């Protein structure tokens, strides 16, 4: 039997009624080995920070009382001159940005794509973070802006509260139920935008921000 005949035979076998053919034994064997799921709050946050950093993102942990200063310091550290902020973002954060000399453009003032391309960064909040995958999900409610705001600027600063971080994807999906029922879009972010060319050279910033900076707010 040649390769073509072997493939066709497997297709015919697969199309038989369920249970009428023997299970294959030549494929890879399933394994139950896996990473343990963290249970304590400290373990969940530590794993989340590690996973986010694995994606070549900048991860910074800060206290709840210093969020505004941390946002301004982070953007200044990246040399940001102009930032776009979504509707519903904390006014204290906006004022802190202004005090350090960063020009703030409100989401409502961005009417053309060219204007959005002229800003250096965007700062948003988040809906949920997933520890085991290092993924952050936005549902684009207040403080998160329209999806285009998070895709065009070269730097995305995301503020994630500790109580928004869950251990697993199923837990995150449960938390996103309300957003889904409300018809809001979901953006799942695992590190900065990246792809590889035919030579497998990694290129960042092709389909979204080149730099992802995550502020994890604890306490």
C-alpha atoms as a PDB file:
ATOM      1  CA  UNK A   1       0.000   0.000   0.000  1.00  0.00           C
ATOM      2  CA  UNK A   2       1.452   3.373  -1.018  1.00  0.00           C
ATOM      3  CA  UNK A   3       1.099   6.633   0.928  1.00  0.00           C
ATOM      4  CA  UNK A   4      -1.989   7.772  -1.019  1.00  0.00           C
ATOM      5  CA  UNK A   5      -3.802   4.495  -0.450  1.00  0.00           C
ATOM      6  CA  UNK A   6      -2.886   4.550   3.245  1.00  0.00           C
ATOM      7  CA  UNK A   7      -4.332   8.054   3.638  1.00  0.00           C
ATOM      8  CA  UNK A   8      -7.544   7.156   1.821  1.00  0.00           C
ATOM      9  CA  UNK A   9      -7.920   4.040   3.919  1.00  0.00           C
ATOM     10  CA  UNK A  10      -7.651   6.080   7.100  1.00  0.00           C
ATOM     11  CA  UNK A  11     -10.246   8.552   5.791  1.00  0.00           C
ATOM     12  CA  UNK A  12     -12.645   5.682   5.006  1.00  0.00           C
ATOM     13  CA  UNK A  13     -12.054   4.222   8.443  1.00  0.00           C
ATOM     14  CA  UNK A  14     -12.669   7.561  10.148  1.00  0.00           C
ATOM     15  CA  UNK A  15     -15.976   7.936   8.290  1.00  0.00           C
ATOM     16  CA  UNK A  16     -17.337   4.666   9.613  1.00  0.00           C
ATOM     17  CA  UNK A  17     -19.953   4.689  12.319  1.00  0.00           C
ATOM     18  CA  UNK A  18     -18.520   5.641  15.730  1.00  0.00           C
ATOM     19  CA  UNK A  19     -17.201   2.598  17.564  1.00  0.00           C
ATOM     20  CA  UNK A  20     -17.031   0.412  14.464  1.00  0.00           C
ATOM     21  CA  UNK A  21     -13.275   0.578  14.072  1.00  0.00           C
ATOM     22  CA  UNK A  22     -10.351  -0.073  16.346  1.00  0.00           C
ATOM     23  CA  UNK A  23      -8.636   2.809  18.071  1.00  0.00           C
ATOM     24  CA  UNK A  24      -5.323   3.895  16.583  1.00  0.00           C
ATOM     25  CA  UNK A  25      -2.213   2.917  18.484  1.00  0.00           C
ATOM     26  CA  UNK A  26       0.457   4.541  16.318  1.00  0.00           C
ATOM     27  CA  UNK A  27      -0.161   8.145  17.348  1.00  0.00           C
ATOM     28  CA  UNK A  28       1.391  10.138  20.182  1.00  0.00           C
ATOM     29  CA  UNK A  29       0.231   9.008  23.567  1.00  0.00           C
ATOM     30  CA  UNK A  30      -1.667  11.540  25.676  1.00  0.00           C
ATOM     31  CA  UNK A  31       0.018  12.681  28.831  1.00  0.00           C
ATOM     32  CA  UNK A  32      -1.454  13.882  32.073  1.00  0.00           C
ATOM     33  CA  UNK A  33       1.727  15.675  33.018  1.00  0.00           C
ATOM     34  CA  UNK A  34       1.255  19.419  33.350  1.00  0.00           C
ATOM     35  CA  UNK A  35       2.211  22.413  35.368  1.00  0.00           C
ATOM     36  CA  UNK A  36       0.498  22.653  38.747  1.00  0.00           C
ATOM     37  CA  UNK A  37      -2.213  25.300  38.966  1.00  0.00           C
ATOM     38  CA  UNK A  38      -1.415  27.883  41.634  1.00  0.00           C
ATOM     39  CA  UNK A  39      -3.930  28.230  44.436  1.00  0.00           C
ATOM     40  CA  UNK A  40      -2.791  30.978  46.784  1.00  0.00           C
ATOM     41  CA  UNK A  41      -3.161  34.625  45.801  1.00  0.00           C
ATOM     42  CA  UNK A  42       0.593  35.164  46.057  1.00  0.00           C
ATOM     43  CA  UNK A  43       1.345  32.189  43.813  1.00  0.00           C
ATOM     44  CA  UNK A  44      -1.200  33.339  41.228  1.00  0.00           C
ATOM     45  CA  UNK A  45       0.250  36.859  41.054  1.00  0.00           C
ATOM     46  CA  UNK A  46       3.841  35.615  40.926  1.00  0.00           C
ATOM     47  CA  UNK A  47       3.030  33.204  38.103  1.00  0.00           C
ATOM     48  CA  UNK A  48       1.121  35.892  36.202  1.00  0.00           C
ATOM     49  CA  UNK A  49       4.085  38.285  36.424  1.00  0.00           C
ATOM     50  CA  UNK A  50       6.499  35.554  35.303  1.00  0.00           C
ATOM     51  CA  UNK A  51       4.334  34.486  32.365  1.00  0.00           C
ATOM     52  CA  UNK A  52       3.833  38.072  31.161  1.00  0.00           C
ATOM     53  CA  UNK A  53       7.581  38.681  31.355  1.00  0.00           C
ATOM     54  CA  UNK A  54       8.190  35.500  29.328  1.00  0.00           C
ATOM     55  CA  UNK A  55       6.533  37.258  26.389  1.00  0.00           C
ATOM     56  CA  UNK A  56       9.203  39.989  26.473  1.00  0.00           C
ATOM     57  CA  UNK A  57       6.851  42.392  28.174  1.00  0.00           C
ATOM     58  CA  UNK A  58       7.859  44.836  30.879  1.00  0.00           C
ATOM     59  CA  UNK A  59       6.253  43.904  34.202  1.00  0.00           C
ATOM     60  CA  UNK A  60       6.157  46.271  37.155  1.00  0.00           C
ATOM     61  CA  UNK A  61       4.413  45.676  40.465  1.00  0.00           C
ATOM     62  CA  UNK A  62       3.145  48.662  42.404  1.00  0.00           C
ATOM     63  CA  UNK A  63       0.907  49.521  45.335  1.00  0.00           C
ATOM     64  CA  UNK A  64      -2.676  50.683  45.000  1.00  0.00           C
ATOM     65  CA  UNK A  65      -1.847  54.099  46.434  1.00  0.00           C
ATOM     66  CA  UNK A  66       0.806  54.905  43.824  1.00  0.00           C
ATOM     67  CA  UNK A  67      -0.936  54.032  40.564  1.00  0.00           C
ATOM     68  CA  UNK A  68      -0.923  57.552  39.094  1.00  0.00           C
ATOM     69  CA  UNK A  69       2.771  58.073  39.819  1.00  0.00           C
ATOM     70  CA  UNK A  70       3.625  54.611  38.472  1.00  0.00           C
ATOM     71  CA  UNK A  71       1.759  55.282  35.213  1.00  0.00           C
ATOM     72  CA  UNK A  72       3.538  58.607  34.704  1.00  0.00           C
ATOM     73  CA  UNK A  73       6.922  57.151  35.630  1.00  0.00           C
ATOM     74  CA  UNK A  74       6.512  54.177  33.296  1.00  0.00           C
ATOM     75  CA  UNK A  75       5.614  56.288  30.265  1.00  0.00           C
ATOM     76  CA  UNK A  76       8.358  58.820  31.007  1.00  0.00           C
ATOM     77  CA  UNK A  77      10.833  55.956  31.227  1.00  0.00           C
ATOM     78  CA  UNK A  78       9.922  54.916  27.696  1.00  0.00           C
ATOM     79  CA  UNK A  79      10.454  58.450  26.409  1.00  0.00           C
ATOM     80  CA  UNK A  80       6.786  58.967  25.598  1.00  0.00           C
ATOM     81  CA  UNK A  81       5.860  62.506  24.539  1.00  0.00           C
ATOM     82  CA  UNK A  82       2.239  62.023  23.528  1.00  0.00           C
ATOM     83  CA  UNK A  83      -0.252  59.499  24.837  1.00  0.00           C
ATOM     84  CA  UNK A  84      -3.884  58.743  24.021  1.00  0.00           C
ATOM     85  CA  UNK A  85      -6.211  57.943  26.916  1.00  0.00           C
ATOM     86  CA  UNK A  86      -9.599  56.215  26.663  1.00  0.00           C
ATOM     87  CA  UNK A  87     -12.864  57.469  28.055  1.00  0.00           C
ATOM     88  CA  UNK A  88     -13.310  56.581  31.694  1.00  0.00           C
ATOM     89  CA  UNK A  89      -9.620  56.506  32.616  1.00  0.00           C
ATOM     90  CA  UNK A  90      -8.826  57.711  36.140  1.00  0.00           C
ATOM     91  CA  UNK A  91      -8.468  61.518  36.168  1.00  0.00           C
ATOM     92  CA  UNK A  92      -5.600  61.279  38.651  1.00  0.00           C
ATOM     93  CA  UNK A  93      -3.601  59.295  36.096  1.00  0.00           C
ATOM     94  CA  UNK A  94      -4.270  61.888  33.406  1.00  0.00           C
ATOM     95  CA  UNK A  95      -3.204  64.731  35.691  1.00  0.00           C
ATOM     96  CA  UNK A  96      -0.030  62.853  36.662  1.00  0.00           C
ATOM     97  CA  UNK A  97       0.865  62.496  32.984  1.00  0.00           C
ATOM     98  CA  UNK A  98       0.333  66.192  32.384  1.00  0.00           C
ATOM     99  CA  UNK A  99       2.523  67.121  35.359  1.00  0.00           C
ATOM    100  CA  UNK A 100       5.517  65.254  33.910  1.00  0.00           C
ATOM    101  CA  UNK A 101       5.129  67.016  30.570  1.00  0.00           C
ATOM    102  CA  UNK A 102       3.430  64.276  28.545  1.00  0.00           C
ATOM    103  CA  UNK A 103       0.852  65.568  26.060  1.00  0.00           C
ATOM    104  CA  UNK A 104      -2.461  63.818  26.652  1.00  0.00           C
ATOM    105  CA  UNK A 105      -4.923  63.261  23.814  1.00  0.00           C
ATOM    106  CA  UNK A 106      -8.415  62.084  24.710  1.00  0.00           C
ATOM    107  CA  UNK A 107     -10.031  59.233  22.809  1.00  0.00           C
ATOM    108  CA  UNK A 108     -12.837  61.526  21.708  1.00  0.00           C
ATOM    109  CA  UNK A 109     -10.349  63.839  19.996  1.00  0.00           C
ATOM    110  CA  UNK A 110      -9.002  61.063  17.752  1.00  0.00           C
ATOM    111  CA  UNK A 111     -11.236  61.279  14.706  1.00  0.00           C
ATOM    112  CA  UNK A 112      -8.770  60.173  12.044  1.00  0.00           C
ATOM    113  CA  UNK A 113      -6.406  57.218  11.820  1.00  0.00           C
ATOM    114  CA  UNK A 114      -3.489  59.548  11.037  1.00  0.00           C
ATOM    115  CA  UNK A 115      -3.982  61.328  14.355  1.00  0.00           C
ATOM    116  CA  UNK A 116      -3.839  58.027  16.215  1.00  0.00           C
ATOM    117  CA  UNK A 117      -0.596  57.132  14.446  1.00  0.00           C
ATOM    118  CA  UNK A 118       0.952  60.352  15.733  1.00  0.00           C
ATOM    119  CA  UNK A 119       0.762  59.326  19.401  1.00  0.00           C
ATOM    120  CA  UNK A 120       3.542  57.365  21.073  1.00  0.00           C
ATOM    121  CA  UNK A 121       1.504  55.263  23.482  1.00  0.00           C
ATOM    122  CA  UNK A 122      -1.857  54.308  24.926  1.00  0.00           C
ATOM    123  CA  UNK A 123      -2.677  53.582  28.558  1.00  0.00           C
ATOM    124  CA  UNK A 124      -5.644  51.405  29.526  1.00  0.00           C
ATOM    125  CA  UNK A 125      -7.043  49.316  32.322  1.00  0.00           C
ATOM    126  CA  UNK A 126      -7.963  45.640  31.816  1.00  0.00           C
ATOM    127  CA  UNK A 127     -10.773  43.210  32.543  1.00  0.00           C
ATOM    128  CA  UNK A 128      -8.936  40.043  33.538  1.00  0.00           C
ATOM    129  CA  UNK A 129      -5.441  38.554  33.652  1.00  0.00           C
ATOM    130  CA  UNK A 130      -4.657  34.828  33.385  1.00  0.00           C
ATOM    131  CA  UNK A 131      -1.748  33.509  35.430  1.00  0.00           C
ATOM    132  CA  UNK A 132      -1.103  30.202  33.668  1.00  0.00           C
ATOM    133  CA  UNK A 133      -0.871  31.809  30.213  1.00  0.00           C
ATOM    134  CA  UNK A 134       0.266  35.356  30.981  1.00  0.00           C
ATOM    135  CA  UNK A 135      -2.667  36.653  28.964  1.00  0.00           C
ATOM    136  CA  UNK A 136      -4.532  39.916  29.572  1.00  0.00           C
ATOM    137  CA  UNK A 137      -8.064  40.389  28.273  1.00  0.00           C
ATOM    138  CA  UNK A 138      -9.735  43.703  27.488  1.00  0.00           C
ATOM    139  CA  UNK A 139     -13.491  44.002  26.962  1.00  0.00           C
ATOM    140  CA  UNK A 140     -13.212  47.664  25.915  1.00  0.00           C
ATOM    141  CA  UNK A 141     -15.515  49.008  28.608  1.00  0.00           C
ATOM    142  CA  UNK A 142     -14.700  52.261  30.425  1.00  0.00           C
ATOM    143  CA  UNK A 143     -10.987  52.869  30.802  1.00  0.00           C
ATOM    144  CA  UNK A 144     -10.080  50.457  27.985  1.00  0.00           C
ATOM    145  CA  UNK A 145     -11.087  52.391  24.886  1.00  0.00           C
ATOM    146  CA  UNK A 146     -11.962  51.273  21.388  1.00  0.00           C
ATOM    147  CA  UNK A 147      -9.962  48.368  20.003  1.00  0.00           C
ATOM    148  CA  UNK A 148      -8.058  50.585  17.530  1.00  0.00           C
ATOM    149  CA  UNK A 149      -6.570  52.540  20.427  1.00  0.00           C
ATOM    150  CA  UNK A 150      -4.773  49.412  21.626  1.00  0.00           C
ATOM    151  CA  UNK A 151      -3.532  48.315  18.196  1.00  0.00           C
ATOM    152  CA  UNK A 152      -2.029  51.397  16.550  1.00  0.00           C
ATOM    153  CA  UNK A 153       0.265  53.135  19.118  1.00  0.00           C
ATOM    154  CA  UNK A 154       3.746  51.649  19.445  1.00  0.00           C
ATOM    155  CA  UNK A 155       3.520  51.201  23.222  1.00  0.00           C
ATOM    156  CA  UNK A 156       0.630  49.889  25.294  1.00  0.00           C
ATOM    157  CA  UNK A 157       0.649  50.417  29.048  1.00  0.00           C
ATOM    158  CA  UNK A 158      -1.912  48.187  30.774  1.00  0.00           C
ATOM    159  CA  UNK A 159      -2.855  48.539  34.426  1.00  0.00           C
ATOM    160  CA  UNK A 160      -4.065  45.256  35.922  1.00  0.00           C
ATOM    161  CA  UNK A 161      -5.426  45.057  39.464  1.00  0.00           C
ATOM    162  CA  UNK A 162      -4.436  42.047  41.563  1.00  0.00           C
ATOM    163  CA  UNK A 163      -8.082  41.087  42.079  1.00  0.00           C
ATOM    164  CA  UNK A 164      -8.514  40.840  38.295  1.00  0.00           C
ATOM    165  CA  UNK A 165      -5.929  38.066  37.971  1.00  0.00           C
ATOM    166  CA  UNK A 166      -7.231  34.484  37.920  1.00  0.00           C
ATOM    167  CA  UNK A 167      -5.343  31.211  37.704  1.00  0.00           C
ATOM    168  CA  UNK A 168      -6.811  29.580  34.590  1.00  0.00           C
ATOM    169  CA  UNK A 169      -8.482  30.277  31.262  1.00  0.00           C
ATOM    170  CA  UNK A 170     -11.866  28.760  32.306  1.00  0.00           C
ATOM    171  CA  UNK A 171     -11.970  31.149  35.268  1.00  0.00           C
ATOM    172  CA  UNK A 172     -11.287  34.056  32.928  1.00  0.00           C
ATOM    173  CA  UNK A 173     -14.039  32.955  30.544  1.00  0.00           C
ATOM    174  CA  UNK A 174     -16.491  32.918  33.451  1.00  0.00           C
ATOM    175  CA  UNK A 175     -15.563  36.485  34.338  1.00  0.00           C
ATOM    176  CA  UNK A 176     -16.002  37.564  30.723  1.00  0.00           C
ATOM    177  CA  UNK A 177     -19.557  36.270  30.503  1.00  0.00           C
ATOM    178  CA  UNK A 178     -21.120  39.655  31.204  1.00  0.00           C
ATOM    179  CA  UNK A 179     -19.063  41.349  28.492  1.00  0.00           C
ATOM    180  CA  UNK A 180     -19.971  38.673  25.971  1.00  0.00           C
ATOM    181  CA  UNK A 181     -23.680  38.917  26.760  1.00  0.00           C
ATOM    182  CA  UNK A 182     -23.433  42.690  26.398  1.00  0.00           C
ATOM    183  CA  UNK A 183     -21.907  42.252  22.946  1.00  0.00           C
ATOM    184  CA  UNK A 184     -18.599  43.933  23.751  1.00  0.00           C
ATOM    185  CA  UNK A 185     -15.510  42.863  21.768  1.00  0.00           C
ATOM    186  CA  UNK A 186     -12.730  41.004  23.553  1.00  0.00           C
ATOM    187  CA  UNK A 187      -9.029  41.524  22.917  1.00  0.00           C
ATOM    188  CA  UNK A 188      -6.713  38.803  24.247  1.00  0.00           C
ATOM    189  CA  UNK A 189      -3.149  40.042  24.692  1.00  0.00           C
ATOM    190  CA  UNK A 190      -0.164  37.759  25.269  1.00  0.00           C
ATOM    191  CA  UNK A 191       2.864  40.012  25.029  1.00  0.00           C
ATOM    192  CA  UNK A 192       3.682  42.623  22.384  1.00  0.00           C
ATOM    193  CA  UNK A 193       2.664  42.051  18.782  1.00  0.00           C
ATOM    194  CA  UNK A 194       5.140  39.682  17.146  1.00  0.00           C
ATOM    195  CA  UNK A 195       5.555  37.508  14.091  1.00  0.00           C
ATOM    196  CA  UNK A 196       8.348  35.686  12.273  1.00  0.00           C
ATOM    197  CA  UNK A 197       9.425  35.957   8.650  1.00  0.00           C
ATOM    198  CA  UNK A 198      10.372  33.017   6.433  1.00  0.00           C
ATOM    199  CA  UNK A 199      13.827  32.931   8.031  1.00  0.00           C
ATOM    200  CA  UNK A 200      12.168  32.678  11.474  1.00  0.00           C
ATOM    201  CA  UNK A 201      13.504  36.098  12.491  1.00  0.00           C
ATOM    202  CA  UNK A 202      11.206  37.578  15.113  1.00  0.00           C
ATOM    203  CA  UNK A 203       9.669  40.925  14.168  1.00  0.00           C
ATOM    204  CA  UNK A 204       7.722  42.927  16.749  1.00  0.00           C
ATOM    205  CA  UNK A 205       5.148  45.651  16.242  1.00  0.00           C
ATOM    206  CA  UNK A 206       3.702  44.428  12.948  1.00  0.00           C
ATOM    207  CA  UNK A 207       0.090  43.878  13.992  1.00  0.00           C
ATOM    208  CA  UNK A 208       0.002  45.942  17.183  1.00  0.00           C
ATOM    209  CA  UNK A 209       2.178  47.570  19.849  1.00  0.00           C
ATOM    210  CA  UNK A 210       5.897  46.869  19.737  1.00  0.00           C
ATOM    211  CA  UNK A 211       6.182  47.298  23.500  1.00  0.00           C
ATOM    212  CA  UNK A 212       3.837  46.048  26.229  1.00  0.00           C
ATOM    213  CA  UNK A 213       4.287  47.439  29.744  1.00  0.00           C
ATOM    214  CA  UNK A 214       2.123  45.897  32.467  1.00  0.00           C
ATOM    215  CA  UNK A 215       1.545  47.535  35.840  1.00  0.00           C
ATOM    216  CA  UNK A 216       0.301  44.976  38.346  1.00  0.00           C
ATOM    217  CA  UNK A 217      -1.406  46.857  41.184  1.00  0.00           C
ATOM    218  CA  UNK A 218      -1.357  45.066  44.524  1.00  0.00           C
ATOM    219  CA  UNK A 219      -2.742  45.971  47.933  1.00  0.00           C
END
